[in-house]
Amino acid sequence: MLYSAAFPDLTTDQTNWLFDRFPNVYVSAILKEFHRWQTDAEGVQIEDAALKEALSIVGEDDRKGRITGPIIMGVTRW
């Protein structure tokens, strides 16, 4: 499973369980990411390009799976 997400916005109309329960972890992670963006912009761009490529591959696999249907091997019930 591939998961990618930016930190959710801090808004008043939605809750942010990570910030509510662990604000120090949230703020620390944001500061580390900000520092990395400021010191290694080229590295961040390379990572971003690699992530976009990986997500496009996942998207293409998903598209193909929706057209042909899932391939189920073995047990067909949960």
N, C-alpha and C. Protein backbone atom coordinates (compact mmCIF):
# COMPACT_ATOMS: atom_id res chain seq x y z
N MET A 1 0.85 -1.17 0.00
CA MET A 1 0.00 0.00 0.00
C MET A 1 0.90 1.24 0.00
N LEU A 2 0.56 2.17 -0.81
CA LEU A 2 1.33 3.40 -0.91
C LEU A 2 0.51 4.53 -0.34
N TYR A 3 1.11 5.30 0.55
CA TYR A 3 0.39 6.40 1.17
C TYR A 3 1.25 7.65 1.09
N SER A 4 0.66 8.72 0.68
CA SER A 4 1.36 9.99 0.64
C SER A 4 0.39 11.09 0.97
N ALA A 5 0.81 11.96 1.86
CA ALA A 5 -0.04 13.09 2.21
C ALA A 5 0.80 14.18 2.84
N ALA A 6 0.40 15.39 2.60
CA ALA A 6 1.02 16.52 3.28
C ALA A 6 0.35 16.69 4.62
N PHE A 7 0.96 17.45 5.49
CA PHE A 7 0.32 17.72 6.76
C PHE A 7 -1.01 18.42 6.53
N PRO A 8 -2.07 17.98 7.20
CA PRO A 8 -3.37 18.65 7.02
C PRO A 8 -3.30 20.10 7.50
N ASP A 9 -4.06 20.95 6.86
CA ASP A 9 -4.13 22.34 7.28
C ASP A 9 -4.73 22.46 8.68
N LEU A 10 -4.25 23.43 9.42
CA LEU A 10 -4.82 23.70 10.73
C LEU A 10 -5.94 24.72 10.55
N THR A 11 -7.15 24.23 10.49
CA THR A 11 -8.30 25.11 10.31
C THR A 11 -9.27 24.92 11.46
N THR A 12 -10.17 25.86 11.62
CA THR A 12 -11.14 25.79 12.71
C THR A 12 -12.34 24.92 12.35
N ASP A 13 -12.57 24.65 11.09
CA ASP A 13 -13.77 23.89 10.70
C ASP A 13 -13.55 22.39 10.62
N GLN A 14 -12.35 21.90 10.91
CA GLN A 14 -12.13 20.47 10.92
C GLN A 14 -11.16 20.13 12.05
N THR A 15 -11.23 18.89 12.52
CA THR A 15 -10.34 18.49 13.60
C THR A 15 -9.10 17.83 13.02
N ASN A 16 -8.05 17.88 13.75
CA ASN A 16 -6.79 17.26 13.36
C ASN A 16 -6.36 16.40 14.55
N TRP A 17 -6.64 15.10 14.48
CA TRP A 17 -6.39 14.24 15.64
C TRP A 17 -4.92 14.20 16.03
N LEU A 18 -4.01 14.26 15.07
CA LEU A 18 -2.58 14.25 15.40
C LEU A 18 -2.21 15.49 16.20
N PHE A 19 -2.65 16.65 15.74
CA PHE A 19 -2.33 17.88 16.45
C PHE A 19 -3.02 17.93 17.81
N ASP A 20 -4.27 17.43 17.87
CA ASP A 20 -4.99 17.43 19.14
C ASP A 20 -4.32 16.55 20.19
N ARG A 21 -3.82 15.39 19.77
CA ARG A 21 -3.26 14.43 20.73
C ARG A 21 -1.76 14.60 20.95
N PHE A 22 -1.04 14.96 19.89
CA PHE A 22 0.42 15.04 19.97
C PHE A 22 0.94 16.31 19.30
N PRO A 23 0.64 17.47 19.85
CA PRO A 23 1.07 18.71 19.17
C PRO A 23 2.58 18.83 19.03
N ASN A 24 3.34 18.31 20.00
CA ASN A 24 4.80 18.40 19.91
C ASN A 24 5.34 17.59 18.74
N VAL A 25 4.74 16.42 18.45
CA VAL A 25 5.16 15.60 17.32
C VAL A 25 4.84 16.31 16.02
N TYR A 26 3.66 16.87 15.93
CA TYR A 26 3.20 17.56 14.73
C TYR A 26 4.12 18.74 14.42
N VAL A 27 4.34 19.59 15.40
CA VAL A 27 5.16 20.79 15.19
C VAL A 27 6.60 20.40 14.89
N SER A 28 7.13 19.41 15.58
CA SER A 28 8.49 18.96 15.33
C SER A 28 8.66 18.46 13.90
N ALA A 29 7.70 17.67 13.43
CA ALA A 29 7.78 17.15 12.06
C ALA A 29 7.72 18.27 11.04
N ILE A 30 6.86 19.24 11.28
CA ILE A 30 6.75 20.38 10.35
C ILE A 30 8.05 21.17 10.32
N LEU A 31 8.64 21.41 11.49
CA LEU A 31 9.90 22.15 11.53
C LEU A 31 11.02 21.39 10.84
N LYS A 32 11.07 20.07 11.01
CA LYS A 32 12.10 19.28 10.32
C LYS A 32 11.92 19.33 8.82
N GLU A 33 10.68 19.20 8.35
CA GLU A 33 10.42 19.27 6.92
C GLU A 33 10.78 20.66 6.38
N PHE A 34 10.40 21.69 7.10
CA PHE A 34 10.71 23.06 6.66
C PHE A 34 12.22 23.26 6.56
N HIS A 35 12.94 22.77 7.55
CA HIS A 35 14.41 22.90 7.53
C HIS A 35 14.99 22.17 6.32
N ARG A 36 14.48 20.97 6.04
CA ARG A 36 14.98 20.21 4.91
C ARG A 36 14.67 20.92 3.60
N TRP A 37 13.46 21.48 3.50
CA TRP A 37 13.09 22.22 2.28
C TRP A 37 14.01 23.42 2.07
N GLN A 38 14.39 24.07 3.16
CA GLN A 38 15.23 25.26 3.06
C GLN A 38 16.69 24.93 2.74
N THR A 39 17.17 23.78 3.23
CA THR A 39 18.58 23.47 3.06
C THR A 39 18.89 22.59 1.85
N ASP A 40 17.92 21.81 1.39
CA ASP A 40 18.18 20.90 0.28
C ASP A 40 17.02 20.93 -0.71
N ALA A 41 16.82 22.06 -1.35
CA ALA A 41 15.70 22.21 -2.28
C ALA A 41 15.82 21.24 -3.46
N GLU A 42 17.04 21.00 -3.94
CA GLU A 42 17.22 20.09 -5.07
C GLU A 42 16.85 18.65 -4.67
N GLY A 43 17.24 18.24 -3.47
CA GLY A 43 16.89 16.90 -2.98
C GLY A 43 15.38 16.73 -2.84
N VAL A 44 14.72 17.76 -2.37
CA VAL A 44 13.27 17.72 -2.22
C VAL A 44 12.62 17.59 -3.60
N GLN A 45 13.13 18.31 -4.59
CA GLN A 45 12.58 18.21 -5.95
C GLN A 45 12.78 16.82 -6.53
N ILE A 46 13.93 16.21 -6.27
CA ILE A 46 14.19 14.85 -6.75
C ILE A 46 13.23 13.86 -6.10
N GLU A 47 13.04 14.00 -4.77
CA GLU A 47 12.10 13.12 -4.07
C GLU A 47 10.68 13.32 -4.59
N ASP A 48 10.30 14.57 -4.83
CA ASP A 48 8.96 14.87 -5.31
C ASP A 48 8.73 14.25 -6.69
N ALA A 49 9.73 14.34 -7.56
CA ALA A 49 9.62 13.74 -8.89
C ALA A 49 9.50 12.22 -8.79
N ALA A 50 10.28 11.61 -7.90
CA ALA A 50 10.21 10.16 -7.72
C ALA A 50 8.85 9.75 -7.17
N LEU A 51 8.32 10.52 -6.24
CA LEU A 51 7.00 10.22 -5.68
C LEU A 51 5.92 10.34 -6.75
N LYS A 52 5.99 11.39 -7.56
CA LYS A 52 4.99 11.56 -8.64
C LYS A 52 5.07 10.40 -9.62
N GLU A 53 6.27 9.95 -9.93
CA GLU A 53 6.41 8.81 -10.84
C GLU A 53 5.80 7.55 -10.22
N ALA A 54 6.08 7.31 -8.94
CA ALA A 54 5.53 6.13 -8.26
C ALA A 54 4.01 6.20 -8.20
N LEU A 55 3.47 7.38 -7.91
CA LEU A 55 2.01 7.53 -7.84
C LEU A 55 1.37 7.35 -9.21
N SER A 56 2.06 7.78 -10.26
CA SER A 56 1.49 7.58 -11.59
C SER A 56 1.46 6.10 -11.95
N ILE A 57 2.46 5.35 -11.51
CA ILE A 57 2.48 3.90 -11.75
C ILE A 57 1.33 3.24 -10.98
N VAL A 58 1.14 3.64 -9.73
CA VAL A 58 0.03 3.10 -8.94
C VAL A 58 -1.30 3.46 -9.59
N GLY A 59 -1.42 4.70 -10.06
CA GLY A 59 -2.65 5.14 -10.73
C GLY A 59 -2.92 4.34 -11.99
N GLU A 60 -1.88 4.07 -12.75
CA GLU A 60 -2.04 3.28 -13.97
C GLU A 60 -2.44 1.84 -13.64
N ASP A 61 -1.83 1.27 -12.62
CA ASP A 61 -2.22 -0.08 -12.19
C ASP A 61 -3.67 -0.11 -11.74
N ASP A 62 -4.10 0.93 -11.02
CA ASP A 62 -5.48 1.02 -10.57
C ASP A 62 -6.42 1.10 -11.78
N ARG A 63 -6.06 1.93 -12.75
CA ARG A 63 -6.88 2.07 -13.95
C ARG A 63 -7.02 0.74 -14.67
N LYS A 64 -5.90 0.03 -14.83
CA LYS A 64 -5.93 -1.28 -15.50
C LYS A 64 -6.79 -2.27 -14.71
N GLY A 65 -6.67 -2.23 -13.39
CA GLY A 65 -7.45 -3.13 -12.56
C GLY A 65 -8.93 -2.86 -12.65
N ARG A 66 -9.30 -1.60 -12.80
CA ARG A 66 -10.72 -1.27 -12.93
C ARG A 66 -11.28 -1.71 -14.28
N ILE A 67 -10.42 -1.74 -15.30
CA ILE A 67 -10.87 -2.16 -16.62
C ILE A 67 -10.98 -3.68 -16.69
N THR A 68 -9.96 -4.39 -16.22
CA THR A 68 -9.94 -5.85 -16.35
C THR A 68 -10.52 -6.56 -15.15
N GLY A 69 -10.68 -5.88 -14.03
CA GLY A 69 -11.17 -6.51 -12.81
C GLY A 69 -10.01 -7.07 -12.00
N PRO A 70 -10.26 -7.34 -10.74
CA PRO A 70 -9.18 -7.83 -9.88
C PRO A 70 -8.80 -9.27 -10.22
N ILE A 71 -7.57 -9.58 -9.95
CA ILE A 71 -7.09 -10.95 -10.10
C ILE A 71 -7.09 -11.55 -8.70
N ILE A 72 -7.93 -12.56 -8.51
CA ILE A 72 -8.08 -13.16 -7.19
C ILE A 72 -7.51 -14.57 -7.24
N MET A 73 -6.56 -14.83 -6.36
CA MET A 73 -5.97 -16.15 -6.29
C MET A 73 -6.29 -16.73 -4.92
N GLY A 74 -6.64 -17.98 -4.88
CA GLY A 74 -6.88 -18.63 -3.59
C GLY A 74 -8.27 -18.35 -3.06
N VAL A 75 -8.35 -18.11 -1.77
CA VAL A 75 -9.63 -17.91 -1.09
C VAL A 75 -10.31 -16.66 -1.61
N THR A 76 -11.60 -16.76 -1.91
CA THR A 76 -12.33 -15.62 -2.45
C THR A 76 -13.23 -14.97 -1.40
N ARG A 77 -13.20 -15.47 -0.17
CA ARG A 77 -14.02 -14.88 0.90
C ARG A 77 -13.13 -14.48 2.06
N TRP A 78 -13.51 -13.46 2.78
CA TRP A 78 -12.76 -12.99 3.95
C TRP A 78 -13.08 -13.84 5.12
